[in-house]
C-alpha atoms as a PDB file:
ATOM      1  CA  MET A   1     165.838 190.848 229.461  1.00  0.00           C
ATOM      2  CA  THR A   2     166.612 190.547 225.763  1.00  0.00           C
ATOM      3  CA  HIS A   3     163.497 190.444 223.554  1.00  0.00           C
ATOM      4  CA  LEU A   4     163.632 188.452 220.331  1.00  0.00           C
ATOM      5  CA  PRO A   5     161.931 189.871 217.253  1.00  0.00           C
ATOM      6  CA  HIS A   6     158.332 188.703 216.833  1.00  0.00           C
ATOM      7  CA  GLY A   7     159.169 186.515 213.850  1.00  0.00           C
ATOM      8  CA  ARG A   8     162.005 184.760 215.663  1.00  0.00           C
ATOM      9  CA  ARG A   9     159.754 184.008 218.622  1.00  0.00           C
ATOM     10  CA  LEU A  10     157.273 182.266 216.311  1.00  0.00           C
ATOM     11  CA  LEU A  11     160.041 180.372 214.573  1.00  0.00           C
ATOM     12  CA  GLY A  12     161.431 179.223 217.885  1.00  0.00           C
ATOM     13  CA  ALA A  13     158.047 178.009 219.093  1.00  0.00           C
ATOM     14  CA  PHE A  14     157.370 176.258 215.785  1.00  0.00           C
ATOM     15  CA  GLY A  15     160.751 174.595 215.961  1.00  0.00           C
ATOM     16  CA  VAL A  16     160.022 173.252 219.411  1.00  0.00           C
ATOM     17  CA  LEU A  17     156.672 171.852 218.218  1.00  0.00           C
ATOM     18  CA  VAL A  18     158.264 170.189 215.206  1.00  0.00           C
ATOM     19  CA  LEU A  19     160.985 168.667 217.369  1.00  0.00           C
ATOM     20  CA  ALA A  20     158.416 167.371 219.886  1.00  0.00           C
ATOM     21  CA  ALA A  21     156.316 165.825 217.112  1.00  0.00           C
ATOM     22  CA  ALA A  22     159.373 164.188 215.609  1.00  0.00           C
ATOM     23  CA  LEU A  23     160.373 162.695 218.924  1.00  0.00           C
ATOM     24  CA  THR A  24     156.923 161.145 219.429  1.00  0.00           C
ATOM     25  CA  THR A  25     156.819 159.529 215.975  1.00  0.00           C
ATOM     26  CA  VAL A  26     160.299 158.048 215.851  1.00  0.00           C
ATOM     27  CA  PRO A  27     159.972 154.325 216.773  1.00  0.00           C
ATOM     28  CA  THR A  28     161.981 153.027 219.673  1.00  0.00           C
ATOM     29  CA  ALA A  29     164.922 150.935 218.548  1.00  0.00           C
ATOM     30  CA  GLY A  30     164.076 147.232 218.779  1.00  0.00           C
ATOM     31  CA  ALA A  31     160.311 147.785 219.332  1.00  0.00           C
ATOM     32  CA  THR A  32     158.084 144.836 218.296  1.00  0.00           C
ATOM     33  CA  PRO A  33     155.698 145.726 215.454  1.00  0.00           C
ATOM     34  CA  ALA A  34     151.970 145.228 216.057  1.00  0.00           C
ATOM     35  CA  LEU A  35     150.947 141.837 214.697  1.00  0.00           C
ATOM     36  CA  PRO A  36     147.540 140.291 213.935  1.00  0.00           C
ATOM     37  CA  ASP A  37     146.245 137.111 215.567  1.00  0.00           C
ATOM     38  CA  LEU A  38     143.710 135.170 213.491  1.00  0.00           C
ATOM     39  CA  THR A  39     141.466 132.572 215.099  1.00  0.00           C
ATOM     40  CA  SER A  40     138.005 131.041 214.720  1.00  0.00           C
ATOM     41  CA  LEU A  41     135.244 131.286 217.333  1.00  0.00           C
ATOM     42  CA  PRO A  42     132.636 128.593 218.148  1.00  0.00           C
ATOM     43  CA  GLY A  43     129.906 128.409 215.510  1.00  0.00           C
ATOM     44  CA  THR A  44     127.035 126.203 214.411  1.00  0.00           C
ATOM     45  CA  VAL A  45     126.526 123.240 212.095  1.00  0.00           C
ATOM     46  CA  THR A  46     122.960 122.523 210.996  1.00  0.00           C
ATOM     47  CA  TYR A  47     122.054 119.208 209.397  1.00  0.00           C
ATOM     48  CA  THR A  48     118.815 117.448 208.504  1.00  0.00           C
ATOM     49  CA  PRO A  49     118.924 113.629 208.263  1.00  0.00           C
ATOM     50  CA  GLY A  50     119.279 112.455 204.697  1.00  0.00           C
ATOM     51  CA  ALA A  51     120.490 115.803 203.346  1.00  0.00           C
ATOM     52  CA  ALA A  52     123.537 115.873 201.099  1.00  0.00           C
ATOM     53  CA  THR A  53     125.014 118.919 202.834  1.00  0.00           C
ATOM     54  CA  ALA A  54     125.209 120.585 206.239  1.00  0.00           C
ATOM     55  CA  ASN A  55     125.306 124.327 206.775  1.00  0.00           C
ATOM     56  CA  VAL A  56     128.184 125.846 208.745  1.00  0.00           C
ATOM     57  CA  VAL A  57     128.282 129.303 210.316  1.00  0.00           C
ATOM     58  CA  VAL A  58     131.641 130.419 211.721  1.00  0.00           C
ATOM     59  CA  THR A  59     133.041 133.713 212.987  1.00  0.00           C
ATOM     60  CA  LEU A  60     136.694 134.506 212.337  1.00  0.00           C
ATOM     61  CA  LYS A  61     138.430 137.091 214.510  1.00  0.00           C
ATOM     62  CA  ASN A  62     141.609 139.113 214.398  1.00  0.00           C
ATOM     63  CA  ALA A  63     142.427 139.248 218.106  1.00  0.00           C
ATOM     64  CA  GLY A  64     145.808 140.868 217.537  1.00  0.00           C
ATOM     65  CA  ALA A  65     146.958 144.490 217.579  1.00  0.00           C
ATOM     66  CA  GLY A  66     147.871 144.620 213.893  1.00  0.00           C
ATOM     67  CA  ASN A  67     145.829 144.339 210.700  1.00  0.00           C
ATOM     68  CA  ALA A  68     145.817 141.011 208.835  1.00  0.00           C
ATOM     69  CA  SER A  69     146.210 140.767 205.087  1.00  0.00           C
ATOM     70  CA  ALA A  70     144.081 138.359 203.029  1.00  0.00           C
ATOM     71  CA  SER A  71     144.439 134.719 204.060  1.00  0.00           C
ATOM     72  CA  LYS A  72     143.266 131.235 203.148  1.00  0.00           C
ATOM     73  CA  GLU A  73     140.951 129.261 205.471  1.00  0.00           C
ATOM     74  CA  THR A  74     140.121 125.532 205.533  1.00  0.00           C
ATOM     75  CA  ALA A  75     137.290 123.535 207.118  1.00  0.00           C
ATOM     76  CA  THR A  76     137.639 119.835 207.930  1.00  0.00           C
ATOM     77  CA  LEU A  77     135.149 117.142 208.949  1.00  0.00           C
ATOM     78  CA  THR A  78     136.403 114.250 211.074  1.00  0.00           C
ATOM     79  CA  TYR A  79     135.046 110.758 210.509  1.00  0.00           C
ATOM     80  CA  GLY A  80     136.630 107.326 210.471  1.00  0.00           C
ATOM     81  CA  GLY A  81     139.372 108.729 212.695  1.00  0.00           C
ATOM     82  CA  THR A  82     140.591 111.088 209.936  1.00  0.00           C
ATOM     83  CA  ALA A  83     140.061 114.792 209.294  1.00  0.00           C
ATOM     84  CA  HIS A  84     138.847 115.347 205.718  1.00  0.00           C
ATOM     85  CA  GLN A  85     139.055 118.742 204.031  1.00  0.00           C
ATOM     86  CA  VAL A  86     135.517 119.799 203.065  1.00  0.00           C
ATOM     87  CA  TYR A  87     135.722 123.527 202.273  1.00  0.00           C
ATOM     88  CA  THR A  88     138.280 126.264 201.588  1.00  0.00           C
ATOM     89  CA  TRP A  89     137.895 129.988 201.077  1.00  0.00           C
ATOM     90  CA  THR A  90     139.843 133.253 201.123  1.00  0.00           C
ATOM     91  CA  MET A  91     139.190 135.886 203.762  1.00  0.00           C
ATOM     92  CA  PRO A  92     139.852 139.504 202.749  1.00  0.00           C
ATOM     93  CA  ARG A  93     141.952 141.862 204.861  1.00  0.00           C
ATOM     94  CA  LEU A  94     140.750 141.895 208.481  1.00  0.00           C
ATOM     95  CA  LEU A  95     141.478 144.870 210.725  1.00  0.00           C
ATOM     96  CA  ALA A  96     142.749 144.472 214.286  1.00  0.00           C
ATOM     97  CA  GLY A  97     140.018 143.556 216.762  1.00  0.00           C
ATOM     98  CA  ARG A  98     137.418 142.929 214.042  1.00  0.00           C
ATOM     99  CA  THR A  99     135.375 139.821 213.233  1.00  0.00           C
ATOM    100  CA  ARG A 100     133.807 138.473 210.071  1.00  0.00           C
ATOM    101  CA  VAL A 101     131.045 135.841 209.725  1.00  0.00           C
ATOM    102  CA  PHE A 102     131.162 133.180 207.013  1.00  0.00           C
ATOM    103  CA  ARG A 103     128.395 130.776 205.951  1.00  0.00           C
ATOM    104  CA  PHE A 104     129.049 127.799 203.730  1.00  0.00           C
ATOM    105  CA  PRO A 105     127.811 124.251 202.988  1.00  0.00           C
ATOM    106  CA  ILE A 106     129.857 121.099 203.482  1.00  0.00           C
ATOM    107  CA  ALA A 107     129.213 117.748 201.844  1.00  0.00           C
ATOM    108  CA  VAL A 108     128.005 114.958 204.147  1.00  0.00           C
ATOM    109  CA  PRO A 109     129.032 111.439 203.079  1.00  0.00           C
ATOM    110  CA  THR A 110     126.122 109.017 202.809  1.00  0.00           C
ATOM    111  CA  SER A 111     128.140 106.504 204.841  1.00  0.00           C
ATOM    112  CA  LEU A 112     128.453 108.849 207.832  1.00  0.00           C
ATOM    113  CA  GLY A 113     127.091 107.039 210.886  1.00  0.00           C
ATOM    114  CA  VAL A 114     125.026 108.329 213.794  1.00  0.00           C
ATOM    115  CA  GLY A 115     127.112 110.437 216.163  1.00  0.00           C
ATOM    116  CA  GLU A 116     128.975 113.695 216.651  1.00  0.00           C
ATOM    117  CA  HIS A 117     131.527 114.498 213.967  1.00  0.00           C
ATOM    118  CA  ALA A 118     133.888 117.410 214.591  1.00  0.00           C
ATOM    119  CA  VAL A 119     133.959 120.348 212.179  1.00  0.00           C
ATOM    120  CA  ARG A 120     137.179 122.312 212.606  1.00  0.00           C
ATOM    121  CA  VAL A 121     138.368 125.483 210.916  1.00  0.00           C
ATOM    122  CA  CYS A 122     142.024 126.370 210.403  1.00  0.00           C
ATOM    123  CA  VAL A 123     142.874 129.963 209.501  1.00  0.00           C
ATOM    124  CA  ASP A 124     145.807 131.139 207.396  1.00  0.00           C
ATOM    125  CA  THR A 125     146.585 127.624 206.185  1.00  0.00           C
ATOM    126  CA  ALA A 126     148.917 128.991 203.486  1.00  0.00           C
ATOM    127  CA  LYS A 127     150.946 130.915 206.109  1.00  0.00           C
ATOM    128  CA  GLN A 128     150.410 134.245 204.364  1.00  0.00           C
ATOM    129  CA  VAL A 129     150.107 136.218 207.608  1.00  0.00           C
ATOM    130  CA  THR A 130     152.754 136.676 210.298  1.00  0.00           C
ATOM    131  CA  GLU A 131     150.881 136.474 213.587  1.00  0.00           C
ATOM    132  CA  SER A 132     151.609 137.134 217.244  1.00  0.00           C
ATOM    133  CA  ASN A 133     150.284 133.634 218.034  1.00  0.00           C
ATOM    134  CA  GLU A 134     150.527 130.826 215.499  1.00  0.00           C
ATOM    135  CA  ALA A 135     149.346 128.133 217.933  1.00  0.00           C
ATOM    136  CA  ASN A 136     145.618 129.007 217.905  1.00  0.00           C
ATOM    137  CA  ASN A 137     144.945 128.857 214.172  1.00  0.00           C
ATOM    138  CA  CYS A 138     142.860 125.664 214.320  1.00  0.00           C
ATOM    139  CA  ALA A 139     139.753 125.318 216.478  1.00  0.00           C
ATOM    140  CA  LEU A 140     136.620 123.194 216.802  1.00  0.00           C
ATOM    141  CA  VAL A 141     133.670 125.142 215.409  1.00  0.00           C
ATOM    142  CA  ALA A 142     130.925 122.674 216.340  1.00  0.00           C
ATOM    143  CA  ASP A 143     129.895 119.052 215.853  1.00  0.00           C
ATOM    144  CA  LEU A 144     127.983 117.799 212.852  1.00  0.00           C
ATOM    145  CA  VAL A 145     125.335 115.703 214.598  1.00  0.00           C
ATOM    146  CA  VAL A 146     124.043 112.808 212.526  1.00  0.00           C
ATOM    147  CA  TYR A 147     120.865 111.376 214.028  1.00  0.00           C
ATOM    148  CA  LYS A 148     117.786 109.330 213.174  1.00  0.00           C
ATOM    149  CA  THR A 149     114.123 110.203 213.422  1.00  0.00           C
ATOM    150  CA  GLY A 150     111.281 107.858 214.307  1.00  0.00           C
ATOM    151  CA  THR A 151     113.460 105.247 216.043  1.00  0.00           C
ATOM    152  CA  PRO A 152     115.707 105.243 219.163  1.00  0.00           C
ATOM    153  CA  PHE A 153     119.484 105.582 218.804  1.00  0.00           C
ATOM    154  CA  ASP A 154     122.521 106.013 221.074  1.00  0.00           C
ATOM    155  CA  ILE A 155     124.647 109.154 220.939  1.00  0.00           C
ATOM    156  CA  GLY A 156     127.160 111.133 222.973  1.00  0.00           C
ATOM    157  CA  PRO A 157     130.557 110.572 224.627  1.00  0.00           C
ATOM    158  CA  ALA A 158     131.014 107.632 226.990  1.00  0.00           C
ATOM    159  CA  ALA A 159     130.516 109.584 230.233  1.00  0.00           C
ATOM    160  CA  THR A 160     127.201 111.106 229.167  1.00  0.00           C
ATOM    161  CA  ARG A 161     126.035 108.691 226.481  1.00  0.00           C
ATOM    162  CA  PHE A 162     122.267 108.520 226.165  1.00  0.00           C
ATOM    163  CA  VAL A 163     119.553 106.890 224.093  1.00  0.00           C
ATOM    164  CA  ALA A 164     117.322 109.343 222.259  1.00  0.00           C
ATOM    165  CA  TYR A 165     114.126 109.433 220.268  1.00  0.00           C
ATOM    166  CA  VAL A 166     113.738 112.336 217.843  1.00  0.00           C
ATOM    167  CA  PRO A 167     110.329 112.681 216.179  1.00  0.00           C
ATOM    168  CA  SER A 168     110.039 113.345 212.473  1.00  0.00           C
ATOM    169  CA  THR A 169     108.430 116.708 213.326  1.00  0.00           C
ATOM    170  CA  TYR A 170     111.727 118.018 214.735  1.00  0.00           C
ATOM    171  CA  LYS A 171     113.455 120.672 212.613  1.00  0.00           C
ATOM    172  CA  PRO A 172     117.031 121.771 213.428  1.00  0.00           C
ATOM    173  CA  GLY A 173     117.097 125.441 214.376  1.00  0.00           C
ATOM    174  CA  THR A 174     113.511 125.358 215.669  1.00  0.00           C
ATOM    175  CA  LYS A 175     113.338 124.988 219.460  1.00  0.00           C
ATOM    176  CA  ALA A 176     111.848 121.714 220.669  1.00  0.00           C
ATOM    177  CA  ARG A 177     110.884 120.485 224.124  1.00  0.00           C
ATOM    178  CA  LEU A 178     113.098 117.949 225.904  1.00  0.00           C
ATOM    179  CA  LEU A 179     112.082 115.107 228.216  1.00  0.00           C
ATOM    180  CA  ILE A 180     114.832 113.366 230.152  1.00  0.00           C
ATOM    181  CA  TRP A 181     113.586 110.052 231.553  1.00  0.00           C
ATOM    182  CA  LEU A 182     115.068 107.981 234.410  1.00  0.00           C
ATOM    183  CA  HIS A 183     114.310 104.250 234.758  1.00  0.00           C
ATOM    184  CA  ALA A 184     113.569 102.279 237.932  1.00  0.00           C
ATOM    185  CA  CYS A 185     115.997 100.039 239.810  1.00  0.00           C
ATOM    186  CA  GLY A 186     116.969  97.202 237.484  1.00  0.00           C
ATOM    187  CA  GLY A 187     115.512  99.066 234.541  1.00  0.00           C
ATOM    188  CA  ARG A 188     117.155  99.998 231.275  1.00  0.00           C
ATOM    189  CA  SER A 189     116.984 103.279 229.399  1.00  0.00           C
ATOM    190  CA  ALA A 190     117.306 101.353 226.140  1.00  0.00           C
ATOM    191  CA  ASP A 191     113.942  99.742 226.974  1.00  0.00           C
ATOM    192  CA  ASP A 192     112.174 102.677 228.657  1.00  0.00           C
ATOM    193  CA  ILE A 193     112.777 105.014 225.732  1.00  0.00           C
ATOM    194  CA  TRP A 194     110.164 103.075 223.742  1.00  0.00           C
ATOM    195  CA  THR A 195     107.555 103.989 226.365  1.00  0.00           C
ATOM    196  CA  VAL A 196     108.347 107.706 226.714  1.00  0.00           C
ATOM    197  CA  ALA A 197     109.117 108.495 223.055  1.00  0.00           C
ATOM    198  CA  ASP A 198     106.977 111.031 221.202  1.00  0.00           C
ATOM    199  CA  TRP A 199     104.714 108.750 219.189  1.00  0.00           C
ATOM    200  CA  TRP A 200     101.874 111.290 219.147  1.00  0.00           C
ATOM    201  CA  GLY A 201     103.355 114.333 217.399  1.00  0.00           C
ATOM    202  CA  TYR A 202     103.824 116.600 220.428  1.00  0.00           C
ATOM    203  CA  ASN A 203     107.249 117.676 219.112  1.00  0.00           C
ATOM    204  CA  TYR A 204     109.472 116.772 222.042  1.00  0.00           C
ATOM    205  CA  ILE A 205     112.776 114.935 222.068  1.00  0.00           C
ATOM    206  CA  ALA A 206     113.106 112.145 224.639  1.00  0.00           C
ATOM    207  CA  VAL A 207     116.490 111.173 226.074  1.00  0.00           C
ATOM    208  CA  ALA A 208     117.516 108.656 228.745  1.00  0.00           C
ATOM    209  CA  PRO A 209     121.039 108.314 230.236  1.00  0.00           C
ATOM    210  CA  LEU A 210     122.748 104.968 229.678  1.00  0.00           C
ATOM    211  CA  ALA A 211     125.118 105.162 232.647  1.00  0.00           C
ATOM    212  CA  ARG A 212     123.045 103.013 235.054  1.00  0.00           C
ATOM    213  CA  GLU A 213     121.595 100.224 232.904  1.00  0.00           C
ATOM    214  CA  GLY A 214     120.175  97.480 235.166  1.00  0.00           C
ATOM    215  CA  LYS A 215     121.045  99.434 238.339  1.00  0.00           C
ATOM    216  CA  CYS A 216     119.543 101.964 240.754  1.00  0.00           C
ATOM    217  CA  TRP A 217     120.273 105.677 240.625  1.00  0.00           C
ATOM    218  CA  ASN A 218     122.384 107.452 243.234  1.00  0.00           C
ATOM    219  CA  VAL A 219     120.347 110.462 244.377  1.00  0.00           C
ATOM    220  CA  ASN A 220     123.432 112.205 245.794  1.00  0.00           C
ATOM    221  CA  ASP A 221     125.808 111.801 242.851  1.00  0.00           C
ATOM    222  CA  ASP A 222     123.615 111.380 239.792  1.00  0.00           C
ATOM    223  CA  PRO A 223     121.998 114.845 239.575  1.00  0.00           C
ATOM    224  CA  ALA A 224     125.310 115.943 238.042  1.00  0.00           C
ATOM    225  CA  LEU A 225     125.007 113.134 235.488  1.00  0.00           C
ATOM    226  CA  VAL A 226     121.453 114.218 234.650  1.00  0.00           C
ATOM    227  CA  LEU A 227     122.510 117.844 234.115  1.00  0.00           C
ATOM    228  CA  ALA A 228     125.492 116.777 232.003  1.00  0.00           C
ATOM    229  CA  THR A 229     123.198 114.624 229.840  1.00  0.00           C
ATOM    230  CA  ILE A 230     120.836 117.558 229.346  1.00  0.00           C
ATOM    231  CA  ALA A 231     123.775 119.783 228.384  1.00  0.00           C
ATOM    232  CA  GLU A 232     124.898 117.185 225.842  1.00  0.00           C
ATOM    233  CA  ALA A 233     121.381 116.963 224.372  1.00  0.00           C
ATOM    234  CA  GLU A 234     121.183 120.756 224.167  1.00  0.00           C
ATOM    235  CA  LYS A 235     124.475 120.756 222.300  1.00  0.00           C
ATOM    236  CA  ASP A 236     123.258 118.169 219.805  1.00  0.00           C
ATOM    237  CA  PHE A 237     119.709 119.474 219.282  1.00  0.00           C
ATOM    238  CA  THR A 238     117.855 122.784 219.361  1.00  0.00           C
ATOM    239  CA  ILE A 239     116.145 122.788 222.754  1.00  0.00           C
ATOM    240  CA  ALA A 240     113.964 125.510 224.303  1.00  0.00           C
ATOM    241  CA  PRO A 241     115.753 126.395 227.596  1.00  0.00           C
ATOM    242  CA  ARG A 242     112.595 126.667 229.714  1.00  0.00           C
ATOM    243  CA  ARG A 243     110.878 123.658 228.141  1.00  0.00           C
ATOM    244  CA  VAL A 244     112.957 120.897 229.725  1.00  0.00           C
ATOM    245  CA  PHE A 245     110.946 118.188 231.532  1.00  0.00           C
ATOM    246  CA  ILE A 246     112.327 115.529 233.859  1.00  0.00           C
ATOM    247  CA  GLY A 247     110.571 112.273 234.645  1.00  0.00           C
ATOM    248  CA  GLY A 248     111.208 108.953 236.299  1.00  0.00           C
ATOM    249  CA  TYR A 249     109.763 105.770 237.765  1.00  0.00           C
ATOM    250  CA  SER A 250     110.566 104.606 241.309  1.00  0.00           C
ATOM    251  CA  SER A 251     114.317 105.136 241.774  1.00  0.00           C
ATOM    252  CA  GLY A 252     114.225 107.312 238.676  1.00  0.00           C
ATOM    253  CA  GLY A 253     111.408 109.335 240.210  1.00  0.00           C
ATOM    254  CA  ASP A 254     113.467 109.831 243.375  1.00  0.00           C
ATOM    255  CA  LEU A 255     116.308 111.216 241.281  1.00  0.00           C
ATOM    256  CA  ALA A 256     113.943 113.344 239.212  1.00  0.00           C
ATOM    257  CA  TYR A 257     112.574 115.059 242.329  1.00  0.00           C
ATOM    258  CA  ARG A 258     116.034 115.514 243.871  1.00  0.00           C
ATOM    259  CA  THR A 259     117.429 117.004 240.667  1.00  0.00           C
ATOM    260  CA  ALA A 260     114.457 119.291 240.081  1.00  0.00           C
ATOM    261  CA  PHE A 261     114.324 120.734 243.602  1.00  0.00           C
ATOM    262  CA  TYR A 262     118.034 121.546 243.600  1.00  0.00           C
ATOM    263  CA  ASN A 263     118.076 122.859 240.014  1.00  0.00           C
ATOM    264  CA  SER A 264     114.595 124.327 239.779  1.00  0.00           C
ATOM    265  CA  THR A 265     115.471 126.971 237.168  1.00  0.00           C
ATOM    266  CA  ARG A 266     116.333 124.229 234.666  1.00  0.00           C
ATOM    267  CA  PHE A 267     112.964 122.461 234.599  1.00  0.00           C
ATOM    268  CA  ALA A 268     109.420 123.237 233.552  1.00  0.00           C
ATOM    269  CA  GLU A 269     107.862 120.129 235.096  1.00  0.00           C
ATOM    270  CA  VAL A 270     108.475 116.843 236.934  1.00  0.00           C
ATOM    271  CA  LEU A 271     106.694 113.657 235.796  1.00  0.00           C
ATOM    272  CA  ALA A 272     106.931 111.197 238.695  1.00  0.00           C
ATOM    273  CA  MET A 273     105.633 107.635 239.067  1.00  0.00           C
ATOM    274  CA  ASN A 274     105.762 105.238 242.044  1.00  0.00           C
ATOM    275  CA  THR A 275     107.843 107.635 244.135  1.00  0.00           C
ATOM    276  CA  SER A 276     107.518 110.465 246.661  1.00  0.00           C
ATOM    277  CA  PRO A 277     108.820 114.057 246.557  1.00  0.00           C
ATOM    278  CA  PHE A 278     110.676 113.758 249.867  1.00  0.00           C
ATOM    279  CA  ARG A 279     111.222 110.056 250.506  1.00  0.00           C
ATOM    280  CA  ASP A 280     114.382 108.245 249.346  1.00  0.00           C
ATOM    281  CA  THR A 281     115.666 111.446 247.726  1.00  0.00           C
ATOM    282  CA  GLY A 282     118.533 112.037 250.166  1.00  0.00           C
ATOM    283  CA  SER A 283     116.981 115.364 251.131  1.00  0.00           C
ATOM    284  CA  THR A 284     114.351 116.347 253.693  1.00  0.00           C
ATOM    285  CA  ALA A 285     111.200 118.209 252.704  1.00  0.00           C
ATOM    286  CA  ALA A 286     112.537 121.390 254.309  1.00  0.00           C
ATOM    287  CA  GLU A 287     115.889 121.067 252.541  1.00  0.00           C
ATOM    288  CA  SER A 288     114.341 120.360 249.140  1.00  0.00           C
ATOM    289  CA  LEU A 289     111.818 123.207 249.369  1.00  0.00           C
ATOM    290  CA  ALA A 290     114.521 125.609 250.503  1.00  0.00           C
ATOM    291  CA  ALA A 291     116.759 124.555 247.604  1.00  0.00           C
ATOM    292  CA  ALA A 292     114.092 125.336 244.992  1.00  0.00           C
ATOM    293  CA  THR A 293     114.461 128.988 244.022  1.00  0.00           C
ATOM    294  CA  THR A 294     111.657 128.864 241.422  1.00  0.00           C
ATOM    295  CA  LYS A 295     108.400 126.960 241.042  1.00  0.00           C
ATOM    296  CA  PHE A 296     107.887 124.085 238.600  1.00  0.00           C
ATOM    297  CA  HIS A 297     104.871 121.973 237.676  1.00  0.00           C
ATOM    298  CA  VAL A 298     104.483 118.429 239.031  1.00  0.00           C
ATOM    299  CA  PHE A 299     102.567 115.574 237.398  1.00  0.00           C
ATOM    300  CA  HIS A 300     102.642 112.870 240.059  1.00  0.00           C
END
């Protein structure tokens, strides 16, 4: 065996290391560079009736594999069928996989009617950043909910539209109790809301679905409607999750019991009038009791 001088052995080893390092750092021909992907995540819009502005909180994210340079962002508010630009700002450089939270006010027109008005945020509106996905730059952050206090009003999309009464003691961001009320056969939520509204300062919001005005409830199908109405109310107002109450009279009481037994974790209490827990509910006593995984209070 031929032995190389000590110095040549080191040089040979070093040369191999250098060559290996070079091979690992040379990019493959035609490889796609890592690109950023800017998008906005769901946020919040807080508004108090009569205020000139609403407060928006939004989180922007770089979901891509590459870093994003500074970019321009725009917020719009939709009303009258048109999206109006209400705020713009510049976001500094955002590293791959990182998020950044922004808080800003938007002006609320005095003519804005009761309802849910979409606040959307579009990122990189000046097209300063080349992204891996340019189709997700605009997203709904949340709805600006314009509501009244001290008098009933209708709100919500057609499928889950409801009449609500919000007391003047309610403060957005502070959790309130929720009562969802169900009328009797032939009854009307638009009328019943006057009876179950918070006139006494107990700080609860009362809502009543408008889907069955003048009709009876369907105890088999309408629990889904009740839950969807509650979800809509929780989206529009700040509701304490374990402080949701369900009540009803006659047919509405039947539906209240049926919904509560089969969704017991959603309710703190049932308020029932002129009804029975297990009669006309479409469920036997054994079935209803077995369906309830948690206890709830009953005021019958």
